[in-house]
Amino acid sequence: MSDPLFPLSLRDIKRTFIQGDRRLEVLRGVSLDLRPGEIVALVGQSGSGKSTLLHIAGLLERPDEGDIIVDGKSAGAAGDRERTALRRRFLGFVYQYHHLLPEFSAIENVMLPQMLNGRSRGQARSRAAELLAMVQLKDRSDHRPGRLSGGEQQRVAIARAVANAPRVLLADEPTGNLDAATADTVFRQLLSLVRDTGMAALVATHNPDLAARMDRTVTLKDGGLS
């Protein structure tokens, strides 16, 4: 069993895909510990399995073998209901595309996951306003996504991802759709949120400059981490 001080531990994760008569071993025994307040870059060539690893770490996909330990609790063999509860309580997600709900304002997009977790509307609005201020969108909180720039939309997505105070943030190319200057702004605010909240973060990126600004880098190659 992993040390419960680690918000997230992966133990000997294996994942194979069958394509016709071919077996594609994407993950061949991957192990990783994330520490509180640490931001780790996950790098590797396209098709190396970074997204698969993030989906398994986030309890969105099951490995063929191995265990995922979230806040000291084994989730590898857990049922769907328990995995959903762990995911909603302890994990936050940011994707390359923001996936905001277009019919709701920025602040409402950040309120919704909180209300699904049982917070009152007033509590959710107060927390959402605080988070949008942290990502420098206080004056844009009533705007719907269509009136926000790409970088602003991604900052709302980051605020939404941490709204329920997860212990772990998983991000899949969070600045991949942004120009260099906007990516830098979004990434600085992502770093700041991780540092300020003490959560752990695993960030898949193709950008070596962003990877170099994180606490450490792990490389996925030939189904293993180095």
C-alpha atoms as a PDB file:
ATOM      1  CA  MET A   1       0.000   0.000   0.000  1.00  0.00           C
ATOM      2  CA  SER A   2       1.271   3.470  -0.858  1.00  0.00           C
ATOM      3  CA  ASP A   3       2.016   6.071   1.788  1.00  0.00           C
ATOM      4  CA  PRO A   4      -1.270   7.956   2.389  1.00  0.00           C
ATOM      5  CA  LEU A   5       0.742  11.186   2.429  1.00  0.00           C
ATOM      6  CA  PHE A   6       0.898  10.843  -1.356  1.00  0.00           C
ATOM      7  CA  PRO A   7      -2.351  12.200  -2.839  1.00  0.00           C
ATOM      8  CA  LEU A   8      -1.939   9.857  -5.806  1.00  0.00           C
ATOM      9  CA  SER A   9       0.119   6.725  -6.379  1.00  0.00           C
ATOM     10  CA  LEU A  10       0.212   4.461  -9.407  1.00  0.00           C
ATOM     11  CA  ARG A  11       1.484   0.928  -8.884  1.00  0.00           C
ATOM     12  CA  ASP A  12       2.657  -1.293 -11.753  1.00  0.00           C
ATOM     13  CA  ILE A  13       0.001  -0.054 -14.191  1.00  0.00           C
ATOM     14  CA  LYS A  14      -0.348  -2.138 -17.342  1.00  0.00           C
ATOM     15  CA  ARG A  15      -2.601  -1.454 -20.307  1.00  0.00           C
ATOM     16  CA  THR A  16      -2.777  -3.263 -23.632  1.00  0.00           C
ATOM     17  CA  PHE A  17      -4.976  -2.501 -26.625  1.00  0.00           C
ATOM     18  CA  ILE A  18      -5.935  -5.024 -29.284  1.00  0.00           C
ATOM     19  CA  GLN A  19      -5.922  -3.704 -32.855  1.00  0.00           C
ATOM     20  CA  GLY A  20      -6.952  -6.491 -35.231  1.00  0.00           C
ATOM     21  CA  ASP A  21      -4.367  -9.214 -34.707  1.00  0.00           C
ATOM     22  CA  ARG A  22      -1.914  -6.835 -33.003  1.00  0.00           C
ATOM     23  CA  ARG A  23      -1.373  -6.340 -29.275  1.00  0.00           C
ATOM     24  CA  LEU A  24      -0.277  -2.805 -28.455  1.00  0.00           C
ATOM     25  CA  GLU A  25       1.299  -2.650 -24.996  1.00  0.00           C
ATOM     26  CA  VAL A  26       0.874   1.018 -24.132  1.00  0.00           C
ATOM     27  CA  LEU A  27       1.743   0.828 -20.428  1.00  0.00           C
ATOM     28  CA  ARG A  28       4.104  -1.872 -19.205  1.00  0.00           C
ATOM     29  CA  GLY A  29       4.218  -1.541 -15.445  1.00  0.00           C
ATOM     30  CA  VAL A  30       4.126   2.195 -14.723  1.00  0.00           C
ATOM     31  CA  SER A  31       4.575   3.384 -11.130  1.00  0.00           C
ATOM     32  CA  LEU A  32       4.489   6.985  -9.917  1.00  0.00           C
ATOM     33  CA  ASP A  33       3.954   8.933  -6.677  1.00  0.00           C
ATOM     34  CA  LEU A  34       2.734  12.544  -6.590  1.00  0.00           C
ATOM     35  CA  ARG A  35       3.529  14.691  -3.565  1.00  0.00           C
ATOM     36  CA  PRO A  36       1.347  17.493  -2.161  1.00  0.00           C
ATOM     37  CA  GLY A  37       2.124  20.835  -3.782  1.00  0.00           C
ATOM     38  CA  GLU A  38       4.188  19.203  -6.529  1.00  0.00           C
ATOM     39  CA  ILE A  39       3.603  19.776 -10.226  1.00  0.00           C
ATOM     40  CA  VAL A  40       4.989  17.040 -12.464  1.00  0.00           C
ATOM     41  CA  ALA A  41       5.389  17.246 -16.235  1.00  0.00           C
ATOM     42  CA  LEU A  42       4.421  14.148 -18.193  1.00  0.00           C
ATOM     43  CA  VAL A  43       6.145  14.153 -21.567  1.00  0.00           C
ATOM     44  CA  GLY A  44       6.432  11.700 -24.433  1.00  0.00           C
ATOM     45  CA  GLN A  45       5.844  11.438 -28.150  1.00  0.00           C
ATOM     46  CA  SER A  46       2.331  11.497 -29.578  1.00  0.00           C
ATOM     47  CA  GLY A  47       0.825   8.054 -29.186  1.00  0.00           C
ATOM     48  CA  SER A  48       3.088   7.117 -26.285  1.00  0.00           C
ATOM     49  CA  GLY A  49       0.122   6.710 -23.934  1.00  0.00           C
ATOM     50  CA  LYS A  50       0.096   9.956 -21.964  1.00  0.00           C
ATOM     51  CA  SER A  51      -3.671  10.417 -22.237  1.00  0.00           C
ATOM     52  CA  THR A  52      -4.265   6.757 -21.365  1.00  0.00           C
ATOM     53  CA  LEU A  53      -2.121   7.149 -18.255  1.00  0.00           C
ATOM     54  CA  LEU A  54      -4.006  10.298 -17.225  1.00  0.00           C
ATOM     55  CA  HIS A  55      -7.375   8.591 -17.760  1.00  0.00           C
ATOM     56  CA  ILE A  56      -6.280   5.664 -15.592  1.00  0.00           C
ATOM     57  CA  ALA A  57      -4.871   7.975 -12.918  1.00  0.00           C
ATOM     58  CA  GLY A  58      -8.167   9.875 -12.961  1.00  0.00           C
ATOM     59  CA  LEU A  59     -10.250   6.698 -12.584  1.00  0.00           C
ATOM     60  CA  LEU A  60     -11.850   7.278 -15.965  1.00  0.00           C
ATOM     61  CA  GLU A  61     -10.401   4.077 -17.410  1.00  0.00           C
ATOM     62  CA  ARG A  62      -9.403   0.800 -15.796  1.00  0.00           C
ATOM     63  CA  PRO A  63      -5.928  -0.709 -16.221  1.00  0.00           C
ATOM     64  CA  ASP A  64      -5.468  -4.356 -17.154  1.00  0.00           C
ATOM     65  CA  GLU A  65      -3.245  -4.764 -14.091  1.00  0.00           C
ATOM     66  CA  GLY A  66      -1.978  -2.582 -11.269  1.00  0.00           C
ATOM     67  CA  ASP A  67      -3.452  -0.273  -8.660  1.00  0.00           C
ATOM     68  CA  ILE A  68      -4.370   3.390  -8.348  1.00  0.00           C
ATOM     69  CA  ILE A  69      -4.210   4.739  -4.811  1.00  0.00           C
ATOM     70  CA  VAL A  70      -6.035   8.007  -4.184  1.00  0.00           C
ATOM     71  CA  ASP A  71      -5.512   9.701  -0.815  1.00  0.00           C
ATOM     72  CA  GLY A  72      -4.384   6.374   0.629  1.00  0.00           C
ATOM     73  CA  LYS A  73      -7.387   4.442  -0.707  1.00  0.00           C
ATOM     74  CA  SER A  74      -6.970   1.644  -3.234  1.00  0.00           C
ATOM     75  CA  ALA A  75      -9.199   2.197  -6.253  1.00  0.00           C
ATOM     76  CA  GLY A  76      -7.837  -0.452  -8.596  1.00  0.00           C
ATOM     77  CA  ALA A  77     -10.543  -2.997  -7.813  1.00  0.00           C
ATOM     78  CA  ALA A  78     -13.186  -0.528  -6.602  1.00  0.00           C
ATOM     79  CA  GLY A  79     -16.685  -0.562  -8.087  1.00  0.00           C
ATOM     80  CA  ASP A  80     -17.955   2.177 -10.346  1.00  0.00           C
ATOM     81  CA  ARG A  81     -19.841   3.982  -7.587  1.00  0.00           C
ATOM     82  CA  GLU A  82     -16.799   4.131  -5.301  1.00  0.00           C
ATOM     83  CA  ARG A  83     -14.558   5.247  -8.148  1.00  0.00           C
ATOM     84  CA  THR A  84     -17.005   8.021  -9.020  1.00  0.00           C
ATOM     85  CA  ALA A  85     -17.077   9.165  -5.387  1.00  0.00           C
ATOM     86  CA  LEU A  86     -13.268   9.222  -5.195  1.00  0.00           C
ATOM     87  CA  ARG A  87     -13.043  11.098  -8.491  1.00  0.00           C
ATOM     88  CA  ARG A  88     -15.563  13.744  -7.447  1.00  0.00           C
ATOM     89  CA  ARG A  89     -13.969  14.235  -4.042  1.00  0.00           C
ATOM     90  CA  PHE A  90     -10.254  14.105  -4.752  1.00  0.00           C
ATOM     91  CA  LEU A  91      -9.558  14.675  -8.466  1.00  0.00           C
ATOM     92  CA  GLY A  92      -9.795  17.624 -10.834  1.00  0.00           C
ATOM     93  CA  PHE A  93      -9.380  17.607 -14.617  1.00  0.00           C
ATOM     94  CA  VAL A  94      -8.261  20.114 -17.237  1.00  0.00           C
ATOM     95  CA  TYR A  95      -8.251  19.181 -20.919  1.00  0.00           C
ATOM     96  CA  GLN A  96      -6.792  20.730 -24.052  1.00  0.00           C
ATOM     97  CA  TYR A  97     -10.271  21.959 -24.948  1.00  0.00           C
ATOM     98  CA  HIS A  98     -12.086  23.740 -22.125  1.00  0.00           C
ATOM     99  CA  HIS A  99     -15.511  21.983 -22.400  1.00  0.00           C
ATOM    100  CA  LEU A 100     -17.344  24.886 -20.775  1.00  0.00           C
ATOM    101  CA  LEU A 101     -21.141  24.892 -20.927  1.00  0.00           C
ATOM    102  CA  PRO A 102     -21.947  27.656 -23.445  1.00  0.00           C
ATOM    103  CA  GLU A 103     -25.339  28.560 -21.993  1.00  0.00           C
ATOM    104  CA  PHE A 104     -23.886  29.437 -18.581  1.00  0.00           C
ATOM    105  CA  SER A 105     -21.676  32.325 -17.502  1.00  0.00           C
ATOM    106  CA  ALA A 106     -18.099  31.864 -16.319  1.00  0.00           C
ATOM    107  CA  ILE A 107     -19.105  32.004 -12.668  1.00  0.00           C
ATOM    108  CA  GLU A 108     -21.973  29.569 -13.228  1.00  0.00           C
ATOM    109  CA  ASN A 109     -19.609  27.112 -14.931  1.00  0.00           C
ATOM    110  CA  VAL A 110     -17.434  27.167 -11.797  1.00  0.00           C
ATOM    111  CA  MET A 111     -20.457  26.925  -9.489  1.00  0.00           C
ATOM    112  CA  LEU A 112     -22.022  23.851 -11.103  1.00  0.00           C
ATOM    113  CA  PRO A 113     -19.555  21.145  -9.971  1.00  0.00           C
ATOM    114  CA  GLN A 114     -19.736  22.513  -6.442  1.00  0.00           C
ATOM    115  CA  MET A 115     -23.519  22.359  -6.361  1.00  0.00           C
ATOM    116  CA  LEU A 116     -23.364  18.788  -7.667  1.00  0.00           C
ATOM    117  CA  ASN A 117     -21.178  18.041  -4.644  1.00  0.00           C
ATOM    118  CA  GLY A 118     -23.768  19.454  -2.253  1.00  0.00           C
ATOM    119  CA  ARG A 119     -22.758  23.087  -1.758  1.00  0.00           C
ATOM    120  CA  SER A 120     -25.490  25.676  -1.572  1.00  0.00           C
ATOM    121  CA  ARG A 121     -25.824  28.170  -4.406  1.00  0.00           C
ATOM    122  CA  GLY A 122     -24.493  30.963  -2.201  1.00  0.00           C
ATOM    123  CA  GLN A 123     -21.474  28.965  -1.067  1.00  0.00           C
ATOM    124  CA  ALA A 124     -20.744  27.899  -4.636  1.00  0.00           C
ATOM    125  CA  ARG A 125     -20.970  31.474  -5.944  1.00  0.00           C
ATOM    126  CA  SER A 126     -18.639  32.774  -3.232  1.00  0.00           C
ATOM    127  CA  ARG A 127     -16.031  30.088  -3.957  1.00  0.00           C
ATOM    128  CA  ALA A 128     -16.362  30.583  -7.725  1.00  0.00           C
ATOM    129  CA  ALA A 129     -15.878  34.341  -7.405  1.00  0.00           C
ATOM    130  CA  GLU A 130     -12.754  33.779  -5.311  1.00  0.00           C
ATOM    131  CA  LEU A 131     -11.279  31.372  -7.857  1.00  0.00           C
ATOM    132  CA  LEU A 132     -12.065  33.586 -10.850  1.00  0.00           C
ATOM    133  CA  ALA A 133     -10.340  36.456  -9.060  1.00  0.00           C
ATOM    134  CA  MET A 134      -7.289  34.219  -8.548  1.00  0.00           C
ATOM    135  CA  VAL A 135      -7.081  33.613 -12.302  1.00  0.00           C
ATOM    136  CA  GLN A 136      -7.643  37.333 -12.982  1.00  0.00           C
ATOM    137  CA  LEU A 137     -11.159  37.005 -14.379  1.00  0.00           C
ATOM    138  CA  LYS A 138     -13.127  38.833 -11.704  1.00  0.00           C
ATOM    139  CA  ASP A 139     -14.417  41.376 -14.217  1.00  0.00           C
ATOM    140  CA  ARG A 140     -15.409  38.681 -16.726  1.00  0.00           C
ATOM    141  CA  SER A 141     -17.311  36.382 -14.380  1.00  0.00           C
ATOM    142  CA  ASP A 142     -20.761  37.177 -15.838  1.00  0.00           C
ATOM    143  CA  HIS A 143     -19.661  36.590 -19.440  1.00  0.00           C
ATOM    144  CA  ARG A 144     -20.675  33.439 -21.254  1.00  0.00           C
ATOM    145  CA  PRO A 145     -17.861  31.415 -22.904  1.00  0.00           C
ATOM    146  CA  GLY A 146     -18.664  32.811 -26.364  1.00  0.00           C
ATOM    147  CA  ARG A 147     -17.652  36.281 -25.151  1.00  0.00           C
ATOM    148  CA  LEU A 148     -14.344  35.097 -23.672  1.00  0.00           C
ATOM    149  CA  SER A 149     -11.016  34.599 -25.449  1.00  0.00           C
ATOM    150  CA  GLY A 150      -9.478  31.134 -25.705  1.00  0.00           C
ATOM    151  CA  GLY A 151      -7.098  31.859 -22.845  1.00  0.00           C
ATOM    152  CA  GLU A 152      -9.890  33.222 -20.684  1.00  0.00           C
ATOM    153  CA  GLN A 153     -12.014  30.153 -21.348  1.00  0.00           C
ATOM    154  CA  GLN A 154      -9.140  27.882 -20.331  1.00  0.00           C
ATOM    155  CA  ARG A 155      -8.630  29.860 -17.118  1.00  0.00           C
ATOM    156  CA  VAL A 156     -12.317  29.354 -16.308  1.00  0.00           C
ATOM    157  CA  ALA A 157     -11.809  25.628 -16.951  1.00  0.00           C
ATOM    158  CA  ILE A 158      -8.898  25.595 -14.509  1.00  0.00           C
ATOM    159  CA  ALA A 159     -10.962  27.401 -11.876  1.00  0.00           C
ATOM    160  CA  ARG A 160     -13.758  24.880 -12.416  1.00  0.00           C
ATOM    161  CA  ALA A 161     -11.309  21.968 -12.068  1.00  0.00           C
ATOM    162  CA  VAL A 162     -10.167  23.107  -8.619  1.00  0.00           C
ATOM    163  CA  ALA A 163     -13.568  24.342  -7.402  1.00  0.00           C
ATOM    164  CA  ASN A 164     -14.124  21.318  -5.162  1.00  0.00           C
ATOM    165  CA  ALA A 165     -10.603  21.567  -3.705  1.00  0.00           C
ATOM    166  CA  PRO A 166      -9.237  18.327  -5.189  1.00  0.00           C
ATOM    167  CA  ARG A 167      -6.045  16.841  -3.837  1.00  0.00           C
ATOM    168  CA  VAL A 168      -4.859  16.047  -7.358  1.00  0.00           C
ATOM    169  CA  LEU A 169      -5.145  17.988 -10.615  1.00  0.00           C
ATOM    170  CA  LEU A 170      -4.721  16.061 -13.874  1.00  0.00           C
ATOM    171  CA  ALA A 171      -4.166  18.169 -16.980  1.00  0.00           C
ATOM    172  CA  ASP A 172      -3.906  16.926 -20.574  1.00  0.00           C
ATOM    173  CA  GLU A 173      -2.175  19.510 -22.788  1.00  0.00           C
ATOM    174  CA  PRO A 174      -3.940  22.389 -20.981  1.00  0.00           C
ATOM    175  CA  THR A 175      -2.251  25.047 -23.131  1.00  0.00           C
ATOM    176  CA  GLY A 176      -2.088  23.050 -26.374  1.00  0.00           C
ATOM    177  CA  ASN A 177      -4.676  25.183 -28.197  1.00  0.00           C
ATOM    178  CA  LEU A 178      -3.196  28.540 -27.163  1.00  0.00           C
ATOM    179  CA  ASP A 179      -0.615  30.851 -28.664  1.00  0.00           C
ATOM    180  CA  ALA A 180       2.712  31.170 -26.839  1.00  0.00           C
ATOM    181  CA  ALA A 181       1.922  34.358 -24.904  1.00  0.00           C
ATOM    182  CA  THR A 182      -1.528  33.177 -23.823  1.00  0.00           C
ATOM    183  CA  ALA A 183      -0.152  29.736 -22.918  1.00  0.00           C
ATOM    184  CA  ASP A 184       2.406  31.414 -20.658  1.00  0.00           C
ATOM    185  CA  THR A 185      -0.300  33.408 -18.873  1.00  0.00           C
ATOM    186  CA  VAL A 186      -2.540  30.375 -18.382  1.00  0.00           C
ATOM    187  CA  PHE A 187       0.345  28.222 -17.196  1.00  0.00           C
ATOM    188  CA  ARG A 188       1.558  30.820 -14.682  1.00  0.00           C
ATOM    189  CA  GLN A 189      -1.903  30.925 -13.150  1.00  0.00           C
ATOM    190  CA  LEU A 190      -2.129  27.138 -13.117  1.00  0.00           C
ATOM    191  CA  LEU A 191       1.203  26.995 -11.273  1.00  0.00           C
ATOM    192  CA  SER A 192       0.030  29.620  -8.823  1.00  0.00           C
ATOM    193  CA  LEU A 193      -3.168  27.721  -8.024  1.00  0.00           C
ATOM    194  CA  VAL A 194      -1.264  24.486  -7.418  1.00  0.00           C
ATOM    195  CA  ARG A 195       1.217  26.245  -5.130  1.00  0.00           C
ATOM    196  CA  ASP A 196      -1.449  28.178  -3.231  1.00  0.00           C
ATOM    197  CA  THR A 197      -3.713  25.190  -2.601  1.00  0.00           C
ATOM    198  CA  GLY A 198      -1.091  22.514  -1.936  1.00  0.00           C
ATOM    199  CA  MET A 199      -2.633  20.050  -4.377  1.00  0.00           C
ATOM    200  CA  ALA A 200      -0.517  17.773  -6.551  1.00  0.00           C
ATOM    201  CA  ALA A 201      -0.614  18.094 -10.332  1.00  0.00           C
ATOM    202  CA  LEU A 202       0.312  15.837 -13.235  1.00  0.00           C
ATOM    203  CA  VAL A 203       0.438  17.787 -16.505  1.00  0.00           C
ATOM    204  CA  ALA A 204       0.884  16.180 -19.925  1.00  0.00           C
ATOM    205  CA  THR A 205       2.608  18.566 -22.312  1.00  0.00           C
ATOM    206  CA  HIS A 206       4.572  18.666 -25.559  1.00  0.00           C
ATOM    207  CA  ASN A 207       6.039  22.041 -24.622  1.00  0.00           C
ATOM    208  CA  PRO A 208       9.609  21.639 -23.284  1.00  0.00           C
ATOM    209  CA  ASP A 209       9.666  25.200 -21.949  1.00  0.00           C
ATOM    210  CA  LEU A 210       6.581  24.553 -19.798  1.00  0.00           C
ATOM    211  CA  ALA A 211       7.926  21.182 -18.666  1.00  0.00           C
ATOM    212  CA  ALA A 212      11.158  22.845 -17.525  1.00  0.00           C
ATOM    213  CA  ARG A 213       9.173  25.150 -15.213  1.00  0.00           C
ATOM    214  CA  MET A 214       7.596  22.271 -13.303  1.00  0.00           C
ATOM    215  CA  ASP A 215       9.114  20.561 -10.264  1.00  0.00           C
ATOM    216  CA  ARG A 216      10.157  17.451 -12.166  1.00  0.00           C
ATOM    217  CA  THR A 217       9.606  15.712 -15.474  1.00  0.00           C
ATOM    218  CA  VAL A 218       8.749  12.079 -16.146  1.00  0.00           C
ATOM    219  CA  THR A 219       8.996  10.688 -19.668  1.00  0.00           C
ATOM    220  CA  LEU A 220       6.712   7.996 -21.035  1.00  0.00           C
ATOM    221  CA  LYS A 221       8.549   5.879 -23.592  1.00  0.00           C
ATOM    222  CA  ASP A 222       8.126   2.272 -24.702  1.00  0.00           C
ATOM    223  CA  GLY A 223       5.413   1.789 -22.080  1.00  0.00           C
ATOM    224  CA  GLY A 224       7.532   2.864 -19.103  1.00  0.00           C
ATOM    225  CA  LEU A 225       8.320   6.022 -17.141  1.00  0.00           C
ATOM    226  CA  SER A 226      11.797   7.429 -16.723  1.00  0.00           C
END
